[in-house]
Amino acid sequence: MLFQHLQTMGDLFRPLFMAKFRTIAKALEEVKKIDPDTCLSDYVLRRLASEEKISQIQSGNKTLVEVESLLDFLNGEENQERS
């Protein structure tokens, strides 16, 4: 019973925010929802990820981009993890 209580208390401290990682194509779709006339391409997103200007993880052959990091970069904010 004590373990269950401690486990429940641990849930209170769990972060409420979970990073949204998307493939390059899906991240580009997210940007196009905000700005339908964007000139960004998947090539540009891949390059930003490879240069570590936006947060990304590699899963096999796929690059997964953190959408919030991408939007921050596009708004002129520096990537907090990399700076």
N, C-alpha and C. Protein backbone atom coordinates (compact mmCIF):
# COMPACT_ATOMS: atom_id res chain seq x y z
N MET A 1 0.82 -1.18 0.00
CA MET A 1 0.00 0.00 0.00
C MET A 1 0.88 1.26 0.00
N LEU A 2 1.92 1.27 0.79
CA LEU A 2 2.82 2.42 0.83
C LEU A 2 3.44 2.65 -0.55
N PHE A 3 3.82 1.55 -1.23
CA PHE A 3 4.41 1.66 -2.56
C PHE A 3 3.43 2.30 -3.53
N GLN A 4 2.15 1.91 -3.47
CA GLN A 4 1.15 2.48 -4.35
C GLN A 4 0.98 3.97 -4.07
N HIS A 5 1.04 4.34 -2.80
CA HIS A 5 0.91 5.76 -2.43
C HIS A 5 2.10 6.56 -2.97
N LEU A 6 3.30 6.02 -2.83
CA LEU A 6 4.48 6.71 -3.33
C LEU A 6 4.45 6.80 -4.85
N GLN A 7 3.96 5.75 -5.48
CA GLN A 7 3.87 5.76 -6.94
C GLN A 7 2.88 6.83 -7.40
N THR A 8 1.77 6.98 -6.71
CA THR A 8 0.79 8.01 -7.03
C THR A 8 1.39 9.39 -6.83
N MET A 9 2.17 9.58 -5.77
CA MET A 9 2.81 10.87 -5.54
C MET A 9 3.82 11.18 -6.64
N GLY A 10 4.50 10.13 -7.13
CA GLY A 10 5.44 10.32 -8.22
C GLY A 10 4.74 10.83 -9.47
N ASP A 11 3.50 10.40 -9.69
CA ASP A 11 2.74 10.86 -10.84
C ASP A 11 2.47 12.36 -10.78
N LEU A 12 2.40 12.91 -9.57
CA LEU A 12 2.16 14.34 -9.43
C LEU A 12 3.32 15.17 -9.98
N PHE A 13 4.52 14.61 -9.93
CA PHE A 13 5.70 15.34 -10.36
C PHE A 13 6.10 15.04 -11.80
N ARG A 14 5.32 14.20 -12.46
CA ARG A 14 5.60 13.87 -13.86
C ARG A 14 5.32 15.12 -14.70
N PRO A 15 6.19 15.43 -15.66
CA PRO A 15 5.96 16.63 -16.46
C PRO A 15 4.65 16.54 -17.24
N LEU A 16 3.97 17.65 -17.34
CA LEU A 16 2.71 17.69 -18.06
C LEU A 16 2.92 17.86 -19.56
N PHE A 17 4.13 18.22 -19.95
CA PHE A 17 4.44 18.47 -21.35
C PHE A 17 5.24 17.30 -21.90
N MET A 18 4.81 16.80 -23.03
CA MET A 18 5.55 15.74 -23.71
C MET A 18 5.94 16.26 -25.08
N ALA A 19 7.21 16.17 -25.40
CA ALA A 19 7.69 16.67 -26.68
C ALA A 19 7.02 15.92 -27.83
N LYS A 20 6.67 16.69 -28.87
CA LYS A 20 6.04 16.10 -30.06
C LYS A 20 7.11 15.90 -31.12
N PHE A 21 7.50 14.65 -31.33
CA PHE A 21 8.45 14.33 -32.38
C PHE A 21 7.67 13.84 -33.59
N ARG A 22 8.04 14.35 -34.76
CA ARG A 22 7.39 13.98 -36.01
C ARG A 22 8.46 13.68 -37.07
N THR A 23 8.07 12.90 -38.06
CA THR A 23 8.97 12.70 -39.19
C THR A 23 9.11 14.04 -39.91
N ILE A 24 10.07 14.11 -40.79
CA ILE A 24 10.29 15.35 -41.55
C ILE A 24 9.01 15.74 -42.29
N ALA A 25 8.38 14.78 -42.95
CA ALA A 25 7.17 15.07 -43.73
C ALA A 25 6.04 15.57 -42.83
N LYS A 26 5.85 14.92 -41.69
CA LYS A 26 4.77 15.32 -40.77
C LYS A 26 5.08 16.68 -40.13
N ALA A 27 6.34 16.94 -39.83
CA ALA A 27 6.72 18.25 -39.27
C ALA A 27 6.44 19.35 -40.29
N LEU A 28 6.72 19.07 -41.55
CA LEU A 28 6.45 20.04 -42.60
C LEU A 28 4.94 20.29 -42.72
N GLU A 29 4.13 19.24 -42.56
CA GLU A 29 2.68 19.39 -42.57
C GLU A 29 2.22 20.31 -41.43
N GLU A 30 2.84 20.15 -40.24
CA GLU A 30 2.50 21.00 -39.09
C GLU A 30 2.79 22.47 -39.41
N VAL A 31 3.92 22.73 -40.04
CA VAL A 31 4.28 24.10 -40.40
C VAL A 31 3.30 24.64 -41.44
N LYS A 32 2.92 23.80 -42.40
CA LYS A 32 2.00 24.24 -43.45
C LYS A 32 0.60 24.50 -42.91
N LYS A 33 0.23 23.87 -41.80
CA LYS A 33 -1.06 24.19 -41.17
C LYS A 33 -1.06 25.62 -40.65
N ILE A 34 0.10 26.04 -40.13
CA ILE A 34 0.24 27.38 -39.58
C ILE A 34 0.42 28.40 -40.70
N ASP A 35 1.26 28.03 -41.69
CA ASP A 35 1.56 28.94 -42.81
C ASP A 35 1.42 28.16 -44.12
N PRO A 36 0.23 28.16 -44.73
CA PRO A 36 0.02 27.38 -45.95
C PRO A 36 0.92 27.79 -47.11
N ASP A 37 1.41 29.02 -47.11
CA ASP A 37 2.25 29.51 -48.21
C ASP A 37 3.74 29.39 -47.93
N THR A 38 4.11 28.58 -46.95
CA THR A 38 5.53 28.46 -46.60
C THR A 38 6.36 27.94 -47.77
N CYS A 39 7.59 28.39 -47.82
CA CYS A 39 8.52 27.92 -48.85
C CYS A 39 9.47 26.86 -48.32
N LEU A 40 9.27 26.45 -47.06
CA LEU A 40 10.14 25.40 -46.50
C LEU A 40 9.93 24.09 -47.24
N SER A 41 11.01 23.33 -47.32
CA SER A 41 10.93 22.01 -47.95
C SER A 41 11.48 20.97 -46.99
N ASP A 42 11.27 19.71 -47.34
CA ASP A 42 11.81 18.65 -46.49
C ASP A 42 13.34 18.69 -46.48
N TYR A 43 13.94 19.14 -47.57
CA TYR A 43 15.40 19.27 -47.62
C TYR A 43 15.89 20.25 -46.55
N VAL A 44 15.20 21.38 -46.43
CA VAL A 44 15.59 22.40 -45.45
C VAL A 44 15.48 21.84 -44.04
N LEU A 45 14.39 21.13 -43.75
CA LEU A 45 14.21 20.55 -42.42
C LEU A 45 15.28 19.52 -42.11
N ARG A 46 15.62 18.69 -43.10
CA ARG A 46 16.69 17.70 -42.90
C ARG A 46 18.02 18.39 -42.59
N ARG A 47 18.28 19.47 -43.31
CA ARG A 47 19.53 20.20 -43.11
C ARG A 47 19.58 20.84 -41.73
N LEU A 48 18.48 21.46 -41.30
CA LEU A 48 18.43 22.05 -39.96
C LEU A 48 18.66 20.99 -38.89
N ALA A 49 18.09 19.82 -39.10
CA ALA A 49 18.26 18.73 -38.13
C ALA A 49 19.70 18.23 -38.13
N SER A 50 20.28 18.06 -39.30
CA SER A 50 21.65 17.53 -39.36
C SER A 50 22.66 18.53 -38.80
N GLU A 51 22.36 19.83 -38.92
CA GLU A 51 23.23 20.87 -38.37
C GLU A 51 22.93 21.13 -36.90
N GLU A 52 22.00 20.37 -36.34
CA GLU A 52 21.59 20.46 -34.93
C GLU A 52 21.08 21.85 -34.56
N LYS A 53 20.43 22.49 -35.50
CA LYS A 53 19.80 23.78 -35.21
C LYS A 53 18.41 23.58 -34.62
N ILE A 54 17.85 22.39 -34.82
CA ILE A 54 16.58 22.00 -34.20
C ILE A 54 16.78 20.63 -33.55
N SER A 55 15.99 20.35 -32.52
CA SER A 55 16.12 19.08 -31.82
C SER A 55 15.61 17.95 -32.69
N GLN A 56 16.36 16.87 -32.72
CA GLN A 56 15.98 15.73 -33.53
C GLN A 56 16.57 14.46 -32.93
N ILE A 57 15.96 13.34 -33.26
CA ILE A 57 16.51 12.04 -32.93
C ILE A 57 16.47 11.18 -34.17
N GLN A 58 17.37 10.26 -34.25
CA GLN A 58 17.46 9.35 -35.38
C GLN A 58 16.86 8.03 -34.96
N SER A 59 15.92 7.51 -35.74
CA SER A 59 15.32 6.20 -35.48
C SER A 59 15.47 5.37 -36.75
N GLY A 60 16.54 4.59 -36.77
CA GLY A 60 16.84 3.86 -38.00
C GLY A 60 17.22 4.84 -39.09
N ASN A 61 16.51 4.77 -40.21
CA ASN A 61 16.76 5.70 -41.31
C ASN A 61 15.95 6.98 -41.20
N LYS A 62 15.03 7.02 -40.26
CA LYS A 62 14.14 8.18 -40.13
C LYS A 62 14.70 9.21 -39.16
N THR A 63 14.53 10.45 -39.53
CA THR A 63 14.85 11.55 -38.64
C THR A 63 13.55 12.06 -38.04
N LEU A 64 13.50 12.11 -36.73
CA LEU A 64 12.32 12.63 -36.04
C LEU A 64 12.65 13.99 -35.46
N VAL A 65 11.85 14.97 -35.81
CA VAL A 65 12.08 16.36 -35.44
C VAL A 65 11.12 16.75 -34.32
N GLU A 66 11.62 17.47 -33.32
CA GLU A 66 10.76 18.00 -32.28
C GLU A 66 10.07 19.25 -32.83
N VAL A 67 8.76 19.20 -32.93
CA VAL A 67 7.99 20.27 -33.57
C VAL A 67 8.17 21.60 -32.84
N GLU A 68 8.15 21.58 -31.52
CA GLU A 68 8.29 22.82 -30.75
C GLU A 68 9.65 23.48 -31.03
N SER A 69 10.69 22.67 -31.13
CA SER A 69 12.02 23.19 -31.44
C SER A 69 12.05 23.81 -32.83
N LEU A 70 11.38 23.18 -33.77
CA LEU A 70 11.31 23.71 -35.13
C LEU A 70 10.58 25.05 -35.15
N LEU A 71 9.44 25.12 -34.47
CA LEU A 71 8.67 26.37 -34.44
C LEU A 71 9.44 27.48 -33.73
N ASP A 72 10.15 27.12 -32.65
CA ASP A 72 10.98 28.11 -31.96
C ASP A 72 12.06 28.65 -32.90
N PHE A 73 12.71 27.76 -33.65
CA PHE A 73 13.75 28.18 -34.58
C PHE A 73 13.18 29.12 -35.63
N LEU A 74 12.01 28.76 -36.16
CA LEU A 74 11.40 29.59 -37.20
C LEU A 74 10.96 30.95 -36.66
N ASN A 75 10.71 31.02 -35.37
CA ASN A 75 10.34 32.29 -34.74
C ASN A 75 11.55 33.08 -34.26
N GLY A 76 12.75 32.59 -34.55
CA GLY A 76 13.97 33.32 -34.23
C GLY A 76 14.52 33.04 -32.84
N GLU A 77 13.97 32.04 -32.15
CA GLU A 77 14.46 31.71 -30.82
C GLU A 77 15.54 30.62 -30.95
N GLU A 78 16.56 30.73 -30.10
CA GLU A 78 17.63 29.73 -30.13
C GLU A 78 17.18 28.45 -29.49
N ASN A 79 17.77 27.35 -29.94
CA ASN A 79 17.48 26.03 -29.37
C ASN A 79 18.15 25.96 -28.00
N GLN A 80 17.37 25.86 -26.94
CA GLN A 80 17.88 25.89 -25.58
C GLN A 80 18.77 24.70 -25.27
N GLU A 81 18.51 23.54 -25.85
CA GLU A 81 19.30 22.34 -25.57
C GLU A 81 20.70 22.44 -26.17
N ARG A 82 20.83 23.08 -27.29
CA ARG A 82 22.09 23.09 -28.01
C ARG A 82 22.96 24.30 -27.70
N SER A 83 22.36 25.38 -27.15
CA SER A 83 23.15 26.60 -26.93
C SER A 83 23.93 26.56 -25.66
